[in-house]
Amino acid sequence: MKVYRLKRQFNEFKRGTQFYLISESEFIGVKEFVLRTEDLTNRISINESELLKNFTLIKEIF
C-alpha cells in the first residue's frame, strides 16, 4: 500500500492531509486512482494528472 500527502488544497481537503492508495486501474490508457483519507472516512477518485500535480508519495507499506 502506498501513502500520499496532499501538496496543496484539493477539493475540500487541506494541504498535508495523508491518503492511502486503495486501488489503481487503467482502461484504454487512462489511469484512475482511488485514495482514502488516513482515518478511512473519505474517498476520492482521481486521474493520473491530478495525482502527480497534487500529491507526493510518502512511503510504501508492504
Protein backbone atom coordinates (compact mmCIF):
# COMPACT_ATOMS: atom_id res chain seq x y z
CA MET A 1 0.00 0.00 0.00
CA LYS A 2 1.23 3.50 -0.78
CA VAL A 3 0.81 6.58 1.38
CA TYR A 4 0.47 10.01 -0.24
CA ARG A 5 0.41 13.52 1.21
CA LEU A 6 -1.50 16.40 -0.33
CA LYS A 7 0.80 19.15 -1.69
CA ARG A 8 -1.86 21.87 -1.84
CA GLN A 9 -5.53 22.23 -1.03
CA PHE A 10 -7.57 19.91 -3.24
CA ASN A 11 -11.37 19.84 -3.20
CA GLU A 12 -12.32 20.13 0.50
CA PHE A 13 -9.06 18.58 1.79
CA LYS A 14 -6.32 20.70 3.37
CA ARG A 15 -2.66 20.69 2.44
CA GLY A 16 -0.74 17.95 4.28
CA THR A 17 -3.65 15.51 4.56
CA GLN A 18 -2.46 11.91 4.25
CA PHE A 19 -4.15 9.40 1.94
CA TYR A 20 -3.82 5.68 1.35
CA LEU A 21 -3.84 4.48 -2.25
CA ILE A 22 -6.59 1.86 -2.24
CA SER A 23 -6.68 0.93 -5.93
CA GLU A 24 -5.39 1.93 -9.31
CA SER A 25 -6.82 0.90 -12.65
CA GLU A 26 -6.13 1.56 -16.29
CA PHE A 27 -8.61 1.39 -19.13
CA ILE A 28 -7.53 2.27 -22.67
CA GLY A 29 -4.57 4.32 -21.45
CA VAL A 30 -6.50 6.28 -18.81
CA LYS A 31 -5.31 5.64 -15.26
CA GLU A 32 -7.64 6.15 -12.32
CA PHE A 33 -6.69 6.09 -8.65
CA VAL A 34 -8.86 5.68 -5.56
CA LEU A 35 -7.49 7.26 -2.39
CA ARG A 36 -8.85 7.20 1.17
CA THR A 37 -8.02 9.56 4.00
CA GLU A 38 -5.89 8.31 6.88
CA ASP A 39 -8.97 7.73 9.06
CA LEU A 40 -10.70 5.92 6.11
CA THR A 41 -13.83 8.11 6.30
CA ASN A 42 -13.47 9.90 2.93
CA ARG A 43 -12.73 8.56 -0.54
CA ILE A 44 -11.73 10.32 -3.75
CA SER A 45 -11.26 9.04 -7.27
CA ILE A 46 -8.75 10.97 -9.40
CA ASN A 47 -6.86 10.60 -12.66
CA GLU A 48 -3.10 10.35 -13.12
CA SER A 49 -2.51 14.04 -13.84
CA GLU A 50 -4.35 15.08 -10.66
CA LEU A 51 -2.31 12.58 -8.64
CA LEU A 52 1.00 13.88 -10.00
CA LYS A 53 0.02 17.54 -9.62
CA ASN A 54 -1.49 17.44 -6.13
CA PHE A 55 0.08 14.51 -4.24
CA THR A 56 3.53 13.42 -3.04
CA LEU A 57 4.43 9.80 -2.33
CA ILE A 58 5.45 9.47 1.33
CA LYS A 59 6.13 5.75 1.69
CA GLU A 60 5.20 2.27 0.56
CA ILE A 61 3.85 -0.15 3.15
CA PHE A 62 4.16 -3.85 2.38
